[in-house]
Amino acid sequence: MEIICTGCSAKLNIPDHKIPKDRKASFLCPKCKQRLYVGQDAPGTGETPKPTAPTAAAEAPAQSNTPDYDASERPFDYLDDDAETALICLGESDIQGHARNALEKMGYHIEAVKDVRTALTRMKYHLFNIIVLDEQFDTEHRGTGTLFQELKDLDMGLRRQIVVILISNTVRTQDNMAALHTSVNQIINRKDMPANALNLFKKTLKDHGQFYAIFNETLKKMGKI
């Protein structure tokens, strides 16, 4: 579907399979930041917007360096605000299936990536609830170290919202000192993933929620989150 932003006339290309069939969804125009609606009962139409021919303004060269909206880089733009998402950075690891199955059972929407460049792109446009990271992820491009630095550079308020689980070949599962040293929420030894991924993921989330419950409630009352 092609839609034209009503704010800046930019042409935005959105794959049809990204448009929800049974509800409306919204996203911000990447150029002018105006909120646009698509899907069922979109404001101003009462129905799903139909493809629109490009306007003269859209055909003209863009006056901004911001690229056109690319939905493939933002797979979760059309989820409800309270939907929970997970980023799996395990590459071609044999334990990826165990991580995915556990997260799906927990109700998470999942994005699995094979390299650090794709991971950074996904993180640029979306704040994930959980990141599962292999210590050997994309070693050719220092994948793990690069993602650790990206997380370190986040605003502390945002970082606290992300649960980071590191999969290790050498460190024992639930080694709290090692987790603290590497600034992750949990470390799981690879050999424990096949049988215990679901229980360990649940425990990690529970511990994280309890740890920050009072802190986050205080911030909410102060209007900071």
C-alpha atoms as a PDB file:
ATOM      1  CA  MET A   1       0.000   0.000   0.000  1.00  0.00           C
ATOM      2  CA  GLU A   2       1.161   3.509  -0.808  1.00  0.00           C
ATOM      3  CA  ILE A   3      -0.135   6.330   1.355  1.00  0.00           C
ATOM      4  CA  ILE A   4       0.596  10.034   1.277  1.00  0.00           C
ATOM      5  CA  CYS A   5       1.394  11.849   4.499  1.00  0.00           C
ATOM      6  CA  THR A   6      -1.162  14.605   5.059  1.00  0.00           C
ATOM      7  CA  GLY A   7       1.464  16.691   6.800  1.00  0.00           C
ATOM      8  CA  CYS A   8       4.378  16.767   4.362  1.00  0.00           C
ATOM      9  CA  SER A   9       3.069  14.850   1.315  1.00  0.00           C
ATOM     10  CA  ALA A  10       5.815  12.241   1.612  1.00  0.00           C
ATOM     11  CA  LYS A  11       5.069   8.939  -0.110  1.00  0.00           C
ATOM     12  CA  LEU A  12       5.258   6.004   2.284  1.00  0.00           C
ATOM     13  CA  ASN A  13       5.349   2.393   1.119  1.00  0.00           C
ATOM     14  CA  ILE A  14       3.851  -0.116   3.531  1.00  0.00           C
ATOM     15  CA  PRO A  15       3.643  -3.857   2.710  1.00  0.00           C
ATOM     16  CA  ASP A  16       0.041  -5.065   2.681  1.00  0.00           C
ATOM     17  CA  HIS A  17       0.803  -7.869   5.136  1.00  0.00           C
ATOM     18  CA  LYS A  18       1.799  -5.247   7.701  1.00  0.00           C
ATOM     19  CA  ILE A  19      -1.680  -3.680   7.644  1.00  0.00           C
ATOM     20  CA  PRO A  20      -3.958  -5.166  10.350  1.00  0.00           C
ATOM     21  CA  LYS A  21      -7.195  -6.594   8.971  1.00  0.00           C
ATOM     22  CA  ASP A  22      -9.387  -6.208  12.038  1.00  0.00           C
ATOM     23  CA  ARG A  23      -8.289  -2.966  13.653  1.00  0.00           C
ATOM     24  CA  LYS A  24      -6.670   0.351  12.969  1.00  0.00           C
ATOM     25  CA  ALA A  25      -3.021   1.074  13.612  1.00  0.00           C
ATOM     26  CA  SER A  26      -0.934   4.222  13.586  1.00  0.00           C
ATOM     27  CA  PHE A  27       2.640   5.312  13.068  1.00  0.00           C
ATOM     28  CA  LEU A  28       4.606   8.540  12.867  1.00  0.00           C
ATOM     29  CA  CYS A  29       5.694   9.914   9.527  1.00  0.00           C
ATOM     30  CA  PRO A  30       9.515   9.650   9.568  1.00  0.00           C
ATOM     31  CA  LYS A  31       9.824  13.097   7.981  1.00  0.00           C
ATOM     32  CA  CYS A  32       7.338  15.405   9.690  1.00  0.00           C
ATOM     33  CA  LYS A  33       6.374  13.168  12.663  1.00  0.00           C
ATOM     34  CA  GLN A  34       2.654  13.559  12.016  1.00  0.00           C
ATOM     35  CA  ARG A  35       0.633  10.559  13.200  1.00  0.00           C
ATOM     36  CA  LEU A  36      -0.934   8.606  10.357  1.00  0.00           C
ATOM     37  CA  TYR A  37      -3.589   5.925  10.607  1.00  0.00           C
ATOM     38  CA  VAL A  38      -4.138   2.777   8.576  1.00  0.00           C
ATOM     39  CA  GLY A  39      -6.402  -0.205   8.935  1.00  0.00           C
ATOM     40  CA  GLN A  40     -10.008  -0.562   9.979  1.00  0.00           C
ATOM     41  CA  ASP A  41     -11.875   2.628  10.878  1.00  0.00           C
ATOM     42  CA  ALA A  42      -8.930   4.891  10.168  1.00  0.00           C
ATOM     43  CA  PRO A  43      -9.820   8.493  11.170  1.00  0.00           C
ATOM     44  CA  GLY A  44     -11.334  10.562   8.437  1.00  0.00           C
ATOM     45  CA  THR A  45     -12.394   7.644   6.243  1.00  0.00           C
ATOM     46  CA  GLY A  46     -14.235   5.095   8.341  1.00  0.00           C
ATOM     47  CA  GLU A  47     -12.529   2.350   6.354  1.00  0.00           C
ATOM     48  CA  THR A  48      -9.113   1.081   5.422  1.00  0.00           C
ATOM     49  CA  PRO A  49      -7.282   3.653   3.265  1.00  0.00           C
ATOM     50  CA  LYS A  50      -6.907   2.574  -0.355  1.00  0.00           C
ATOM     51  CA  PRO A  51      -3.690   2.985  -2.334  1.00  0.00           C
ATOM     52  CA  THR A  52      -3.228   6.597  -3.298  1.00  0.00           C
ATOM     53  CA  ALA A  53      -1.516   7.837  -6.430  1.00  0.00           C
ATOM     54  CA  PRO A  54       1.611   9.861  -5.689  1.00  0.00           C
ATOM     55  CA  THR A  55       1.037  13.589  -5.575  1.00  0.00           C
ATOM     56  CA  ALA A  56       3.265  16.111  -7.297  1.00  0.00           C
ATOM     57  CA  ALA A  57       4.858  16.903  -3.964  1.00  0.00           C
ATOM     58  CA  ALA A  58       5.612  13.245  -3.364  1.00  0.00           C
ATOM     59  CA  GLU A  59       7.136  12.830  -6.841  1.00  0.00           C
ATOM     60  CA  ALA A  60       9.420  15.804  -6.313  1.00  0.00           C
ATOM     61  CA  PRO A  61      12.825  15.253  -4.696  1.00  0.00           C
ATOM     62  CA  ALA A  62      12.503  15.127  -0.934  1.00  0.00           C
ATOM     63  CA  GLN A  63      13.722  18.174   0.931  1.00  0.00           C
ATOM     64  CA  SER A  64      14.866  16.026   3.830  1.00  0.00           C
ATOM     65  CA  ASN A  65      17.729  13.630   4.329  1.00  0.00           C
ATOM     66  CA  THR A  66      15.383  11.258   6.159  1.00  0.00           C
ATOM     67  CA  PRO A  67      14.735   8.159   3.987  1.00  0.00           C
ATOM     68  CA  ASP A  68      11.203   7.055   3.089  1.00  0.00           C
ATOM     69  CA  TYR A  69       9.473   4.924   5.670  1.00  0.00           C
ATOM     70  CA  ASP A  70      10.603   1.302   5.359  1.00  0.00           C
ATOM     71  CA  ALA A  71       8.287  -1.027   7.260  1.00  0.00           C
ATOM     72  CA  SER A  72      10.739  -3.919   6.921  1.00  0.00           C
ATOM     73  CA  GLU A  73      13.029  -2.108   9.366  1.00  0.00           C
ATOM     74  CA  ARG A  74      10.205  -1.613  11.873  1.00  0.00           C
ATOM     75  CA  PRO A  75       8.394  -4.941  12.223  1.00  0.00           C
ATOM     76  CA  PHE A  76       6.482  -3.925  15.347  1.00  0.00           C
ATOM     77  CA  ASP A  77       5.070  -0.548  14.289  1.00  0.00           C
ATOM     78  CA  TYR A  78       1.557  -1.981  14.065  1.00  0.00           C
ATOM     79  CA  LEU A  79       1.378  -3.689  17.442  1.00  0.00           C
ATOM     80  CA  ASP A  80      -0.707  -2.388  20.311  1.00  0.00           C
ATOM     81  CA  ASP A  81       1.189  -0.193  22.757  1.00  0.00           C
ATOM     82  CA  ASP A  82       1.085  -2.844  25.465  1.00  0.00           C
ATOM     83  CA  ALA A  83       2.367  -5.677  23.248  1.00  0.00           C
ATOM     84  CA  GLU A  84       5.588  -7.286  24.487  1.00  0.00           C
ATOM     85  CA  THR A  85       8.474  -7.851  22.095  1.00  0.00           C
ATOM     86  CA  ALA A  86      11.742  -9.767  22.089  1.00  0.00           C
ATOM     87  CA  LEU A  87      14.909  -9.500  20.015  1.00  0.00           C
ATOM     88  CA  ILE A  88      16.830 -12.755  19.531  1.00  0.00           C
ATOM     89  CA  CYS A  89      20.500 -12.258  18.651  1.00  0.00           C
ATOM     90  CA  LEU A  90      21.678 -15.844  18.362  1.00  0.00           C
ATOM     91  CA  GLY A  91      22.641 -15.939  14.695  1.00  0.00           C
ATOM     92  CA  GLU A  92      22.577 -19.500  13.400  1.00  0.00           C
ATOM     93  CA  SER A  93      22.915 -20.909  16.905  1.00  0.00           C
ATOM     94  CA  ASP A  94      21.422 -24.327  17.562  1.00  0.00           C
ATOM     95  CA  ILE A  95      19.604 -22.957  20.617  1.00  0.00           C
ATOM     96  CA  GLN A  96      17.644 -20.310  18.735  1.00  0.00           C
ATOM     97  CA  GLY A  97      14.653 -22.626  18.482  1.00  0.00           C
ATOM     98  CA  HIS A  98      14.586 -23.139  22.238  1.00  0.00           C
ATOM     99  CA  ALA A  99      14.684 -19.390  22.871  1.00  0.00           C
ATOM    100  CA  ARG A 100      11.959 -18.720  20.317  1.00  0.00           C
ATOM    101  CA  ASN A 101       9.666 -21.451  21.627  1.00  0.00           C
ATOM    102  CA  ALA A 102      10.001 -20.201  25.196  1.00  0.00           C
ATOM    103  CA  LEU A 103       9.284 -16.588  24.270  1.00  0.00           C
ATOM    104  CA  GLU A 104       6.319 -17.541  22.094  1.00  0.00           C
ATOM    105  CA  LYS A 105       4.806 -19.489  24.990  1.00  0.00           C
ATOM    106  CA  MET A 106       5.205 -16.356  27.090  1.00  0.00           C
ATOM    107  CA  GLY A 107       3.257 -14.332  24.515  1.00  0.00           C
ATOM    108  CA  TYR A 108       6.097 -12.293  23.047  1.00  0.00           C
ATOM    109  CA  HIS A 109       6.292 -11.002  19.489  1.00  0.00           C
ATOM    110  CA  ILE A 110       9.713 -12.052  18.243  1.00  0.00           C
ATOM    111  CA  GLU A 111      12.308 -10.648  15.868  1.00  0.00           C
ATOM    112  CA  ALA A 112      15.326 -12.914  15.262  1.00  0.00           C
ATOM    113  CA  VAL A 113      18.384 -11.419  13.548  1.00  0.00           C
ATOM    114  CA  LYS A 114      21.541 -12.961  12.109  1.00  0.00           C
ATOM    115  CA  ASP A 115      23.973 -10.047  12.306  1.00  0.00           C
ATOM    116  CA  VAL A 116      24.728  -7.011  14.427  1.00  0.00           C
ATOM    117  CA  ARG A 117      23.878  -4.508  11.692  1.00  0.00           C
ATOM    118  CA  THR A 118      20.298  -5.767  11.517  1.00  0.00           C
ATOM    119  CA  ALA A 119      20.084  -5.854  15.306  1.00  0.00           C
ATOM    120  CA  LEU A 120      21.130  -2.211  15.564  1.00  0.00           C
ATOM    121  CA  THR A 121      18.559  -1.214  12.943  1.00  0.00           C
ATOM    122  CA  ARG A 122      15.776  -2.945  14.849  1.00  0.00           C
ATOM    123  CA  MET A 123      16.880  -1.350  18.125  1.00  0.00           C
ATOM    124  CA  LYS A 124      17.002   2.071  16.499  1.00  0.00           C
ATOM    125  CA  TYR A 125      13.262   2.077  15.856  1.00  0.00           C
ATOM    126  CA  HIS A 126      11.928  -0.055  18.698  1.00  0.00           C
ATOM    127  CA  LEU A 127      12.432  -0.547  22.426  1.00  0.00           C
ATOM    128  CA  PHE A 128      12.386  -4.297  23.054  1.00  0.00           C
ATOM    129  CA  ASN A 129      11.223  -5.784  26.338  1.00  0.00           C
ATOM    130  CA  ILE A 130      13.721  -8.654  26.112  1.00  0.00           C
ATOM    131  CA  ILE A 131      16.992  -9.140  24.263  1.00  0.00           C
ATOM    132  CA  VAL A 132      18.497 -12.639  24.158  1.00  0.00           C
ATOM    133  CA  LEU A 133      22.135 -12.405  23.110  1.00  0.00           C
ATOM    134  CA  ASP A 134      24.739 -15.089  22.413  1.00  0.00           C
ATOM    135  CA  GLU A 135      28.242 -14.175  23.582  1.00  0.00           C
ATOM    136  CA  GLN A 136      29.460 -15.465  20.191  1.00  0.00           C
ATOM    137  CA  PHE A 137      26.946 -13.433  18.161  1.00  0.00           C
ATOM    138  CA  ASP A 138      28.364 -12.140  14.839  1.00  0.00           C
ATOM    139  CA  THR A 139      31.974 -12.357  16.025  1.00  0.00           C
ATOM    140  CA  GLU A 140      33.232 -11.134  12.646  1.00  0.00           C
ATOM    141  CA  HIS A 141      31.809  -7.698  13.436  1.00  0.00           C
ATOM    142  CA  ARG A 142      32.177  -7.754  17.232  1.00  0.00           C
ATOM    143  CA  GLY A 143      28.442  -8.286  17.515  1.00  0.00           C
ATOM    144  CA  THR A 144      28.174  -8.837  21.253  1.00  0.00           C
ATOM    145  CA  GLY A 145      30.532  -6.009  22.166  1.00  0.00           C
ATOM    146  CA  THR A 146      28.786  -3.637  19.775  1.00  0.00           C
ATOM    147  CA  LEU A 147      25.363  -4.391  21.236  1.00  0.00           C
ATOM    148  CA  PHE A 148      26.671  -4.036  24.782  1.00  0.00           C
ATOM    149  CA  GLN A 149      27.950  -0.580  23.876  1.00  0.00           C
ATOM    150  CA  GLU A 150      24.614   0.326  22.289  1.00  0.00           C
ATOM    151  CA  LEU A 151      22.812  -0.687  25.473  1.00  0.00           C
ATOM    152  CA  LYS A 152      25.323   1.193  27.596  1.00  0.00           C
ATOM    153  CA  ASP A 153      24.692   4.373  25.594  1.00  0.00           C
ATOM    154  CA  LEU A 154      20.935   4.213  26.159  1.00  0.00           C
ATOM    155  CA  ASP A 155      19.256   6.589  28.552  1.00  0.00           C
ATOM    156  CA  MET A 156      19.210   4.829  31.920  1.00  0.00           C
ATOM    157  CA  GLY A 157      15.434   5.047  32.112  1.00  0.00           C
ATOM    158  CA  LEU A 158      15.122   3.177  28.828  1.00  0.00           C
ATOM    159  CA  ARG A 159      17.810   0.644  29.705  1.00  0.00           C
ATOM    160  CA  ARG A 160      15.949  -0.340  32.866  1.00  0.00           C
ATOM    161  CA  GLN A 161      12.970  -1.353  30.743  1.00  0.00           C
ATOM    162  CA  ILE A 162      14.995  -3.930  28.801  1.00  0.00           C
ATOM    163  CA  VAL A 163      15.768  -7.394  30.148  1.00  0.00           C
ATOM    164  CA  VAL A 164      19.027  -8.640  28.636  1.00  0.00           C
ATOM    165  CA  ILE A 165      19.788 -12.357  28.784  1.00  0.00           C
ATOM    166  CA  LEU A 166      23.285 -13.492  27.793  1.00  0.00           C
ATOM    167  CA  ILE A 167      23.844 -17.039  26.547  1.00  0.00           C
ATOM    168  CA  SER A 168      27.317 -18.256  27.522  1.00  0.00           C
ATOM    169  CA  ASN A 169      29.464 -21.268  26.731  1.00  0.00           C
ATOM    170  CA  THR A 170      31.567 -20.975  29.883  1.00  0.00           C
ATOM    171  CA  VAL A 171      29.782 -19.052  32.647  1.00  0.00           C
ATOM    172  CA  ARG A 172      27.385 -21.034  34.824  1.00  0.00           C
ATOM    173  CA  THR A 173      23.680 -20.309  34.736  1.00  0.00           C
ATOM    174  CA  GLN A 174      22.457 -17.608  37.147  1.00  0.00           C
ATOM    175  CA  ASP A 175      25.943 -16.408  38.045  1.00  0.00           C
ATOM    176  CA  ASN A 176      24.827 -13.087  39.521  1.00  0.00           C
ATOM    177  CA  MET A 177      28.311 -11.636  39.905  1.00  0.00           C
ATOM    178  CA  ALA A 178      29.149 -12.345  36.268  1.00  0.00           C
ATOM    179  CA  ALA A 179      25.808 -10.859  35.205  1.00  0.00           C
ATOM    180  CA  LEU A 180      26.518  -7.706  37.206  1.00  0.00           C
ATOM    181  CA  HIS A 181      30.014  -7.463  35.735  1.00  0.00           C
ATOM    182  CA  THR A 182      28.701  -7.703  32.160  1.00  0.00           C
ATOM    183  CA  SER A 183      25.664  -5.447  32.835  1.00  0.00           C
ATOM    184  CA  VAL A 184      23.072  -8.050  31.891  1.00  0.00           C
ATOM    185  CA  ASN A 185      20.035  -9.241  33.811  1.00  0.00           C
ATOM    186  CA  GLN A 186      20.757 -12.932  33.505  1.00  0.00           C
ATOM    187  CA  ILE A 187      23.368 -15.361  32.215  1.00  0.00           C
ATOM    188  CA  ILE A 188      22.288 -18.795  31.018  1.00  0.00           C
ATOM    189  CA  ASN A 189      24.783 -21.485  30.147  1.00  0.00           C
ATOM    190  CA  ARG A 190      24.142 -22.896  26.701  1.00  0.00           C
ATOM    191  CA  LYS A 191      23.740 -26.457  27.960  1.00  0.00           C
ATOM    192  CA  ASP A 192      20.792 -25.403  30.134  1.00  0.00           C
ATOM    193  CA  MET A 193      18.773 -23.882  27.293  1.00  0.00           C
ATOM    194  CA  PRO A 194      17.131 -26.997  25.784  1.00  0.00           C
ATOM    195  CA  ALA A 195      15.472 -28.146  28.999  1.00  0.00           C
ATOM    196  CA  ASN A 196      15.174 -24.958  31.039  1.00  0.00           C
ATOM    197  CA  ALA A 197      14.795 -21.961  28.705  1.00  0.00           C
ATOM    198  CA  LEU A 198      11.150 -21.272  29.569  1.00  0.00           C
ATOM    199  CA  ASN A 199      11.569 -21.490  33.340  1.00  0.00           C
ATOM    200  CA  LEU A 200      14.765 -19.428  33.317  1.00  0.00           C
ATOM    201  CA  PHE A 201      13.227 -16.724  31.132  1.00  0.00           C
ATOM    202  CA  LYS A 202      10.172 -16.524  33.406  1.00  0.00           C
ATOM    203  CA  LYS A 203      12.310 -16.314  36.532  1.00  0.00           C
ATOM    204  CA  THR A 204      14.472 -13.582  35.017  1.00  0.00           C
ATOM    205  CA  LEU A 205      11.428 -11.479  34.145  1.00  0.00           C
ATOM    206  CA  LYS A 206       9.885 -12.027  37.565  1.00  0.00           C
ATOM    207  CA  ASP A 207      13.093 -11.007  39.340  1.00  0.00           C
ATOM    208  CA  HIS A 208      13.426  -7.933  37.137  1.00  0.00           C
ATOM    209  CA  GLY A 209       9.821  -6.899  37.769  1.00  0.00           C
ATOM    210  CA  GLN A 210      10.135  -7.283  41.523  1.00  0.00           C
ATOM    211  CA  PHE A 211      13.446  -5.457  41.640  1.00  0.00           C
ATOM    212  CA  TYR A 212      12.130  -2.389  39.845  1.00  0.00           C
ATOM    213  CA  ALA A 213       8.496  -2.482  41.025  1.00  0.00           C
ATOM    214  CA  ILE A 214       8.767   0.206  43.698  1.00  0.00           C
ATOM    215  CA  PHE A 215      11.287   2.235  41.724  1.00  0.00           C
ATOM    216  CA  ASN A 216       9.123   2.280  38.586  1.00  0.00           C
ATOM    217  CA  GLU A 217       5.974   3.079  40.560  1.00  0.00           C
ATOM    218  CA  THR A 218       7.688   6.125  42.014  1.00  0.00           C
ATOM    219  CA  LEU A 219       8.761   7.281  38.560  1.00  0.00           C
ATOM    220  CA  LYS A 220       5.217   6.820  37.234  1.00  0.00           C
ATOM    221  CA  LYS A 221       3.792   8.980  40.018  1.00  0.00           C
ATOM    222  CA  MET A 222       6.358  11.618  39.124  1.00  0.00           C
ATOM    223  CA  GLY A 223       5.312  11.377  35.470  1.00  0.00           C
ATOM    224  CA  LYS A 224       8.764  10.339  34.308  1.00  0.00           C
ATOM    225  CA  ILE A 225       7.702   7.083  32.664  1.00  0.00           C
END
